[in-house]
C-alpha atoms as a PDB file:
ATOM      1  CA  UNK A   1      71.227  12.185 273.260  1.00  0.00           C
ATOM      2  CA  UNK A   2      68.358  14.583 273.835  1.00  0.00           C
ATOM      3  CA  UNK A   3      66.979  12.597 276.762  1.00  0.00           C
ATOM      4  CA  UNK A   4      70.330  12.164 278.364  1.00  0.00           C
ATOM      5  CA  UNK A   5      71.303  15.754 277.974  1.00  0.00           C
ATOM      6  CA  UNK A   6      67.977  16.879 279.457  1.00  0.00           C
ATOM      7  CA  UNK A   7      68.355  14.529 282.477  1.00  0.00           C
ATOM      8  CA  UNK A   8      71.801  15.763 283.096  1.00  0.00           C
ATOM      9  CA  UNK A   9      70.895  19.568 283.136  1.00  0.00           C
ATOM     10  CA  UNK A  10      67.312  19.075 284.315  1.00  0.00           C
ATOM     11  CA  UNK A  11      67.284  16.077 286.778  1.00  0.00           C
ATOM     12  CA  UNK A  12      63.674  16.450 287.600  1.00  0.00           C
ATOM     13  CA  UNK A  13      62.920  15.157 284.002  1.00  0.00           C
ATOM     14  CA  UNK A  14      63.833  11.592 285.311  1.00  0.00           C
ATOM     15  CA  UNK A  15      60.407  11.870 287.173  1.00  0.00           C
ATOM     16  CA  UNK A  16      57.721  12.024 284.400  1.00  0.00           C
ATOM     17  CA  UNK A  17      59.890  12.773 281.376  1.00  0.00           C
ATOM     18  CA  UNK A  18      59.461  16.512 281.434  1.00  0.00           C
ATOM     19  CA  UNK A  19      61.345  19.552 282.932  1.00  0.00           C
ATOM     20  CA  UNK A  20      59.867  22.068 285.279  1.00  0.00           C
ATOM     21  CA  UNK A  21      60.188  24.780 282.406  1.00  0.00           C
ATOM     22  CA  UNK A  22      58.589  22.650 279.688  1.00  0.00           C
ATOM     23  CA  UNK A  23      57.062  25.209 277.310  1.00  0.00           C
ATOM     24  CA  UNK A  24      54.303  23.026 276.064  1.00  0.00           C
ATOM     25  CA  UNK A  25      53.126  22.163 279.575  1.00  0.00           C
ATOM     26  CA  UNK A  26      53.386  25.772 280.668  1.00  0.00           C
ATOM     27  CA  UNK A  27      51.254  27.137 277.717  1.00  0.00           C
ATOM     28  CA  UNK A  28      48.586  24.292 277.664  1.00  0.00           C
ATOM     29  CA  UNK A  29      48.141  24.289 281.386  1.00  0.00           C
ATOM     30  CA  UNK A  30      46.916  27.869 281.055  1.00  0.00           C
ATOM     31  CA  UNK A  31      44.862  26.968 277.843  1.00  0.00           C
ATOM     32  CA  UNK A  32      43.147  24.166 279.877  1.00  0.00           C
ATOM     33  CA  UNK A  33      42.412  26.567 282.820  1.00  0.00           C
ATOM     34  CA  UNK A  34      40.435  28.729 280.373  1.00  0.00           C
ATOM     35  CA  UNK A  35      38.257  25.866 278.993  1.00  0.00           C
ATOM     36  CA  UNK A  36      34.872  24.764 280.220  1.00  0.00           C
ATOM     37  CA  UNK A  37      32.762  21.670 278.971  1.00  0.00           C
ATOM     38  CA  UNK A  38      30.716  24.310 277.121  1.00  0.00           C
ATOM     39  CA  UNK A  39      33.566  25.883 275.228  1.00  0.00           C
ATOM     40  CA  UNK A  40      33.843  26.151 271.567  1.00  0.00           C
ATOM     41  CA  UNK A  41      37.638  26.031 270.699  1.00  0.00           C
ATOM     42  CA  UNK A  42      39.296  27.103 267.442  1.00  0.00           C
ATOM     43  CA  UNK A  43      42.696  25.541 266.759  1.00  0.00           C
ATOM     44  CA  UNK A  44      44.096  28.011 264.149  1.00  0.00           C
ATOM     45  CA  UNK A  45      46.795  26.052 262.151  1.00  0.00           C
ATOM     46  CA  UNK A  46      45.706  22.730 263.743  1.00  0.00           C
ATOM     47  CA  UNK A  47      47.970  20.593 261.526  1.00  0.00           C
ATOM     48  CA  UNK A  48      47.872  16.913 261.340  1.00  0.00           C
ATOM     49  CA  UNK A  49      47.841  16.206 265.037  1.00  0.00           C
ATOM     50  CA  UNK A  50      51.468  15.184 265.338  1.00  0.00           C
ATOM     51  CA  UNK A  51      51.452  16.052 269.047  1.00  0.00           C
ATOM     52  CA  UNK A  52      49.385  12.666 269.317  1.00  0.00           C
ATOM     53  CA  UNK A  53      52.815  11.080 268.964  1.00  0.00           C
ATOM     54  CA  UNK A  54      54.300  12.776 271.989  1.00  0.00           C
ATOM     55  CA  UNK A  55      55.939   9.805 274.118  1.00  0.00           C
ATOM     56  CA  UNK A  56      55.159  11.717 277.421  1.00  0.00           C
ATOM     57  CA  UNK A  57      51.487  10.949 278.303  1.00  0.00           C
ATOM     58  CA  UNK A  58      50.891  13.812 280.629  1.00  0.00           C
ATOM     59  CA  UNK A  59      52.089  16.410 278.077  1.00  0.00           C
ATOM     60  CA  UNK A  60      50.292  14.682 275.267  1.00  0.00           C
ATOM     61  CA  UNK A  61      46.969  14.601 277.195  1.00  0.00           C
ATOM     62  CA  UNK A  62      47.123  18.182 278.161  1.00  0.00           C
ATOM     63  CA  UNK A  63      47.631  19.231 274.575  1.00  0.00           C
ATOM     64  CA  UNK A  64      44.744  17.129 273.332  1.00  0.00           C
ATOM     65  CA  UNK A  65      41.606  19.274 273.881  1.00  0.00           C
ATOM     66  CA  UNK A  66      38.928  17.224 272.226  1.00  0.00           C
ATOM     67  CA  UNK A  67      36.567  15.775 274.840  1.00  0.00           C
ATOM     68  CA  UNK A  68      37.441  18.678 277.198  1.00  0.00           C
ATOM     69  CA  UNK A  69      35.259  21.240 275.391  1.00  0.00           C
ATOM     70  CA  UNK A  70      32.038  21.090 273.575  1.00  0.00           C
ATOM     71  CA  UNK A  71      33.665  21.329 270.249  1.00  0.00           C
ATOM     72  CA  UNK A  72      37.168  21.721 268.769  1.00  0.00           C
ATOM     73  CA  UNK A  73      37.353  23.315 265.336  1.00  0.00           C
ATOM     74  CA  UNK A  74      40.422  22.990 263.284  1.00  0.00           C
ATOM     75  CA  UNK A  75      41.460  25.564 260.720  1.00  0.00           C
ATOM     76  CA  UNK A  76      44.401  25.139 258.337  1.00  0.00           C
ATOM     77  CA  UNK A  77      45.794  25.756 254.896  1.00  0.00           C
ATOM     78  CA  UNK A  78      46.855  22.287 254.341  1.00  0.00           C
ATOM     79  CA  UNK A  79      44.117  19.668 253.273  1.00  0.00           C
ATOM     80  CA  UNK A  80      45.776  16.937 255.400  1.00  0.00           C
ATOM     81  CA  UNK A  81      44.931  18.684 258.413  1.00  0.00           C
ATOM     82  CA  UNK A  82      41.406  17.462 257.916  1.00  0.00           C
ATOM     83  CA  UNK A  83      42.551  14.159 259.257  1.00  0.00           C
ATOM     84  CA  UNK A  84      43.610  15.473 262.472  1.00  0.00           C
ATOM     85  CA  UNK A  85      42.107  13.119 264.913  1.00  0.00           C
ATOM     86  CA  UNK A  86      41.900  15.644 267.725  1.00  0.00           C
ATOM     87  CA  UNK A  87      39.363  18.031 266.232  1.00  0.00           C
ATOM     88  CA  UNK A  88      35.642  17.760 265.796  1.00  0.00           C
ATOM     89  CA  UNK A  89      35.342  19.779 262.692  1.00  0.00           C
ATOM     90  CA  UNK A  90      37.645  21.068 260.032  1.00  0.00           C
ATOM     91  CA  UNK A  91      37.639  24.183 257.664  1.00  0.00           C
ATOM     92  CA  UNK A  92      40.275  24.704 254.972  1.00  0.00           C
ATOM     93  CA  UNK A  93      41.714  28.153 254.983  1.00  0.00           C
ATOM     94  CA  UNK A  94      41.797  29.951 251.757  1.00  0.00           C
ATOM     95  CA  UNK A  95      42.381  33.622 252.023  1.00  0.00           C
ATOM     96  CA  UNK A  96      42.350  36.147 254.875  1.00  0.00           C
ATOM     97  CA  UNK A  97      38.778  35.693 255.817  1.00  0.00           C
ATOM     98  CA  UNK A  98      38.029  32.643 257.972  1.00  0.00           C
ATOM     99  CA  UNK A  99      35.004  30.569 256.988  1.00  0.00           C
ATOM    100  CA  UNK A 100      33.488  30.779 260.349  1.00  0.00           C
ATOM    101  CA  UNK A 101      30.398  32.839 261.611  1.00  0.00           C
ATOM    102  CA  UNK A 102      30.791  35.823 263.919  1.00  0.00           C
ATOM    103  CA  UNK A 103      31.097  35.364 267.699  1.00  0.00           C
ATOM    104  CA  UNK A 104      30.968  31.634 267.935  1.00  0.00           C
ATOM    105  CA  UNK A 105      34.394  30.908 269.548  1.00  0.00           C
ATOM    106  CA  UNK A 106      35.220  30.970 273.205  1.00  0.00           C
ATOM    107  CA  UNK A 107      39.062  29.984 273.133  1.00  0.00           C
ATOM    108  CA  UNK A 108      41.231  30.488 270.038  1.00  0.00           C
ATOM    109  CA  UNK A 109      44.593  28.755 270.013  1.00  0.00           C
ATOM    110  CA  UNK A 110      47.472  29.997 267.675  1.00  0.00           C
ATOM    111  CA  UNK A 111      50.397  27.598 268.720  1.00  0.00           C
ATOM    112  CA  UNK A 112      53.696  28.278 266.745  1.00  0.00           C
ATOM    113  CA  UNK A 113      51.659  29.780 263.596  1.00  0.00           C
ATOM    114  CA  UNK A 114      51.887  33.476 263.891  1.00  0.00           C
ATOM    115  CA  UNK A 115      55.446  33.465 262.757  1.00  0.00           C
ATOM    116  CA  UNK A 116      54.276  31.970 259.370  1.00  0.00           C
ATOM    117  CA  UNK A 117      51.696  34.760 258.722  1.00  0.00           C
ATOM    118  CA  UNK A 118      52.504  37.314 256.073  1.00  0.00           C
ATOM    119  CA  UNK A 119      49.663  39.497 257.356  1.00  0.00           C
ATOM    120  CA  UNK A 120      49.286  39.123 261.112  1.00  0.00           C
ATOM    121  CA  UNK A 121      46.929  42.032 261.251  1.00  0.00           C
ATOM    122  CA  UNK A 122      44.475  39.853 259.249  1.00  0.00           C
ATOM    123  CA  UNK A 123      44.707  37.139 261.856  1.00  0.00           C
ATOM    124  CA  UNK A 124      43.940  39.552 264.861  1.00  0.00           C
ATOM    125  CA  UNK A 125      41.033  41.146 262.850  1.00  0.00           C
ATOM    126  CA  UNK A 126      39.454  37.799 262.159  1.00  0.00           C
ATOM    127  CA  UNK A 127      40.213  36.639 265.798  1.00  0.00           C
ATOM    128  CA  UNK A 128      38.159  39.434 267.225  1.00  0.00           C
ATOM    129  CA  UNK A 129      35.326  38.774 264.669  1.00  0.00           C
ATOM    130  CA  UNK A 130      34.964  35.003 265.521  1.00  0.00           C
ATOM    131  CA  UNK A 131      35.434  35.306 269.251  1.00  0.00           C
ATOM    132  CA  UNK A 132      32.346  35.851 271.500  1.00  0.00           C
ATOM    133  CA  UNK A 133      32.507  38.831 273.924  1.00  0.00           C
ATOM    134  CA  UNK A 134      35.097  37.874 276.652  1.00  0.00           C
ATOM    135  CA  UNK A 135      36.455  35.227 274.536  1.00  0.00           C
ATOM    136  CA  UNK A 136      40.186  34.454 274.754  1.00  0.00           C
ATOM    137  CA  UNK A 137      43.070  34.174 272.209  1.00  0.00           C
ATOM    138  CA  UNK A 138      46.068  32.042 273.246  1.00  0.00           C
ATOM    139  CA  UNK A 139      49.282  32.523 271.342  1.00  0.00           C
ATOM    140  CA  UNK A 140      52.616  30.714 271.514  1.00  0.00           C
ATOM    141  CA  UNK A 141      55.288  31.948 268.889  1.00  0.00           C
ATOM    142  CA  UNK A 142      59.010  32.275 268.598  1.00  0.00           C
ATOM    143  CA  UNK A 143      60.701  35.476 269.699  1.00  0.00           C
ATOM    144  CA  UNK A 144      62.323  36.964 266.611  1.00  0.00           C
ATOM    145  CA  UNK A 145      65.089  38.436 268.712  1.00  0.00           C
ATOM    146  CA  UNK A 146      66.024  35.110 270.118  1.00  0.00           C
ATOM    147  CA  UNK A 147      69.323  33.531 269.022  1.00  0.00           C
ATOM    148  CA  UNK A 148      67.561  30.492 267.282  1.00  0.00           C
ATOM    149  CA  UNK A 149      65.366  32.963 265.135  1.00  0.00           C
ATOM    150  CA  UNK A 150      68.302  35.165 264.486  1.00  0.00           C
ATOM    151  CA  UNK A 151      70.304  32.235 263.185  1.00  0.00           C
ATOM    152  CA  UNK A 152      67.498  31.047 261.175  1.00  0.00           C
ATOM    153  CA  UNK A 153      67.347  34.373 259.399  1.00  0.00           C
ATOM    154  CA  UNK A 154      70.871  34.287 258.517  1.00  0.00           C
ATOM    155  CA  UNK A 155      70.699  30.667 256.955  1.00  0.00           C
ATOM    156  CA  UNK A 156      69.785  30.637 253.126  1.00  0.00           C
ATOM    157  CA  UNK A 157      66.219  29.346 252.753  1.00  0.00           C
ATOM    158  CA  UNK A 158      67.344  26.438 250.703  1.00  0.00           C
ATOM    159  CA  UNK A 159      69.368  25.086 253.682  1.00  0.00           C
ATOM    160  CA  UNK A 160      66.838  25.537 256.317  1.00  0.00           C
ATOM    161  CA  UNK A 161      65.527  22.028 256.111  1.00  0.00           C
ATOM    162  CA  UNK A 162      68.958  20.506 256.338  1.00  0.00           C
ATOM    163  CA  UNK A 163      69.761  22.458 259.476  1.00  0.00           C
ATOM    164  CA  UNK A 164      66.385  21.631 261.021  1.00  0.00           C
ATOM    165  CA  UNK A 165      67.004  17.999 260.417  1.00  0.00           C
ATOM    166  CA  UNK A 166      70.161  18.323 262.436  1.00  0.00           C
ATOM    167  CA  UNK A 167      68.354  19.921 265.247  1.00  0.00           C
ATOM    168  CA  UNK A 168      65.208  17.825 265.020  1.00  0.00           C
ATOM    169  CA  UNK A 169      65.974  14.542 263.206  1.00  0.00           C
ATOM    170  CA  UNK A 170      62.299  13.419 263.417  1.00  0.00           C
ATOM    171  CA  UNK A 171      61.021  16.537 261.623  1.00  0.00           C
ATOM    172  CA  UNK A 172      59.168  15.961 258.260  1.00  0.00           C
ATOM    173  CA  UNK A 173      59.604  18.407 255.282  1.00  0.00           C
ATOM    174  CA  UNK A 174      55.841  18.503 254.997  1.00  0.00           C
ATOM    175  CA  UNK A 175      55.699  20.184 258.448  1.00  0.00           C
ATOM    176  CA  UNK A 176      58.161  22.879 257.620  1.00  0.00           C
ATOM    177  CA  UNK A 177      56.672  26.354 256.398  1.00  0.00           C
ATOM    178  CA  UNK A 178      58.063  29.636 255.498  1.00  0.00           C
ATOM    179  CA  UNK A 179      58.485  32.152 258.394  1.00  0.00           C
ATOM    180  CA  UNK A 180      58.079  35.862 258.347  1.00  0.00           C
ATOM    181  CA  UNK A 181      58.321  36.982 261.984  1.00  0.00           C
ATOM    182  CA  UNK A 182      56.168  40.121 261.359  1.00  0.00           C
ATOM    183  CA  UNK A 183      54.650  40.180 264.754  1.00  0.00           C
ATOM    184  CA  UNK A 184      57.304  38.305 266.896  1.00  0.00           C
ATOM    185  CA  UNK A 185      58.430  40.601 269.625  1.00  0.00           C
ATOM    186  CA  UNK A 186      56.787  41.559 272.982  1.00  0.00           C
ATOM    187  CA  UNK A 187      56.109  45.045 271.779  1.00  0.00           C
ATOM    188  CA  UNK A 188      54.712  44.088 268.473  1.00  0.00           C
ATOM    189  CA  UNK A 189      52.335  41.536 270.135  1.00  0.00           C
ATOM    190  CA  UNK A 190      51.214  43.888 272.681  1.00  0.00           C
ATOM    191  CA  UNK A 191      50.605  46.663 270.098  1.00  0.00           C
ATOM    192  CA  UNK A 192      48.514  44.144 267.815  1.00  0.00           C
ATOM    193  CA  UNK A 193      46.404  42.856 270.586  1.00  0.00           C
ATOM    194  CA  UNK A 194      45.659  46.453 271.909  1.00  0.00           C
ATOM    195  CA  UNK A 195      44.950  47.748 268.440  1.00  0.00           C
ATOM    196  CA  UNK A 196      42.339  45.080 267.863  1.00  0.00           C
ATOM    197  CA  UNK A 197      40.623  45.336 271.357  1.00  0.00           C
ATOM    198  CA  UNK A 198      42.101  42.858 273.464  1.00  0.00           C
ATOM    199  CA  UNK A 199      42.996  43.192 277.126  1.00  0.00           C
ATOM    200  CA  UNK A 200      46.194  41.198 277.166  1.00  0.00           C
ATOM    201  CA  UNK A 201      49.165  39.733 278.899  1.00  0.00           C
ATOM    202  CA  UNK A 202      52.329  39.122 276.881  1.00  0.00           C
ATOM    203  CA  UNK A 203      55.602  37.632 278.166  1.00  0.00           C
ATOM    204  CA  UNK A 204      58.734  35.849 277.053  1.00  0.00           C
ATOM    205  CA  UNK A 205      59.244  32.312 278.106  1.00  0.00           C
ATOM    206  CA  UNK A 206      62.444  30.260 277.949  1.00  0.00           C
ATOM    207  CA  UNK A 207      62.140  26.371 277.841  1.00  0.00           C
ATOM    208  CA  UNK A 208      64.898  23.796 277.736  1.00  0.00           C
ATOM    209  CA  UNK A 209      67.103  24.274 274.627  1.00  0.00           C
ATOM    210  CA  UNK A 210      65.875  21.141 272.702  1.00  0.00           C
ATOM    211  CA  UNK A 211      67.009  22.600 269.348  1.00  0.00           C
ATOM    212  CA  UNK A 212      70.598  22.340 270.494  1.00  0.00           C
ATOM    213  CA  UNK A 213      70.621  18.829 271.553  1.00  0.00           C
ATOM    214  CA  UNK A 214      72.961  17.941 268.713  1.00  0.00           C
ATOM    215  CA  UNK A 215      75.849  19.095 270.863  1.00  0.00           C
ATOM    216  CA  UNK A 216      76.467  18.852 274.551  1.00  0.00           C
ATOM    217  CA  UNK A 217      78.451  22.270 274.428  1.00  0.00           C
ATOM    218  CA  UNK A 218      75.629  23.949 272.510  1.00  0.00           C
ATOM    219  CA  UNK A 219      73.073  22.430 274.972  1.00  0.00           C
ATOM    220  CA  UNK A 220      74.983  23.803 277.901  1.00  0.00           C
ATOM    221  CA  UNK A 221      75.265  27.314 276.477  1.00  0.00           C
ATOM    222  CA  UNK A 222      71.474  27.050 275.698  1.00  0.00           C
ATOM    223  CA  UNK A 223      70.774  26.080 279.320  1.00  0.00           C
ATOM    224  CA  UNK A 224      72.874  29.202 280.415  1.00  0.00           C
ATOM    225  CA  UNK A 225      70.833  31.402 278.159  1.00  0.00           C
ATOM    226  CA  UNK A 226      67.561  29.851 279.538  1.00  0.00           C
ATOM    227  CA  UNK A 227      68.673  30.805 283.048  1.00  0.00           C
ATOM    228  CA  UNK A 228      69.947  34.299 282.362  1.00  0.00           C
ATOM    229  CA  UNK A 229      68.067  35.789 279.329  1.00  0.00           C
ATOM    230  CA  UNK A 230      65.889  38.802 279.890  1.00  0.00           C
ATOM    231  CA  UNK A 231      62.190  38.480 278.817  1.00  0.00           C
ATOM    232  CA  UNK A 232      62.639  40.214 275.554  1.00  0.00           C
ATOM    233  CA  UNK A 233      65.295  37.700 274.324  1.00  0.00           C
ATOM    234  CA  UNK A 234      63.588  34.531 275.570  1.00  0.00           C
ATOM    235  CA  UNK A 235      63.085  31.910 272.956  1.00  0.00           C
ATOM    236  CA  UNK A 236      59.271  31.982 273.024  1.00  0.00           C
ATOM    237  CA  UNK A 237      56.507  34.510 273.388  1.00  0.00           C
ATOM    238  CA  UNK A 238      53.337  33.683 275.233  1.00  0.00           C
ATOM    239  CA  UNK A 239      50.367  35.991 274.690  1.00  0.00           C
ATOM    240  CA  UNK A 240      46.834  35.827 276.116  1.00  0.00           C
ATOM    241  CA  UNK A 241      44.171  38.277 275.135  1.00  0.00           C
ATOM    242  CA  UNK A 242      40.517  38.714 276.078  1.00  0.00           C
ATOM    243  CA  UNK A 243      38.140  40.405 273.652  1.00  0.00           C
ATOM    244  CA  UNK A 244      36.803  43.635 275.120  1.00  0.00           C
ATOM    245  CA  UNK A 245      33.056  44.039 274.778  1.00  0.00           C
ATOM    246  CA  UNK A 246      33.498  47.351 273.032  1.00  0.00           C
ATOM    247  CA  UNK A 247      36.519  49.207 271.418  1.00  0.00           C
ATOM    248  CA  UNK A 248      36.856  52.498 273.368  1.00  0.00           C
END
């Protein structure tokens, strides 16, 4: 049903399998533009690498950074992430301090992880520490003021998995983590990046409403929201920050 709905509302998806507003393609196109063959990349919250199962080859290959940079380091709280086939090196995260040396990272990726952090300030502090001067942090995270996040906060925690399975039948329980949304608005992200010494660009992004594919009516309303929503209400937030050489 998801594919049929997408093709109905976004007919360009019949040619390549993705829409012109695909969020993963938009985010990782910019990430790829920031890479060089000599880059050291940190994938914060790298997970098990389930994106390797993406049926759309173009999007899957854009997401896989191993081989495009000198080294891809994975960092995660789950031991199973050590088996991610798309990283060169893995570190288990245990506590607020990352097991990495100062100023060794060129590009830091935090993709749909910031919303799960109880102390986002610790993330930005460590990001600044491990990034080289002029290094870049790339963040994609849900907007806490979008209708999906608002609904999620209204649903009792014990029913989250049940509702998520309705929206994403292929989702596995081991890939679902508690959310806090403590730095998930345009203003909060801009303040955090500025406070920790990053030149930044932060903006809202609205991709196709894949979470609503369980209902044609819900999907149609999602498409309408995608076309009309102002930036501060869009479903995702994209943030790109460059480490300033000095905090002044």
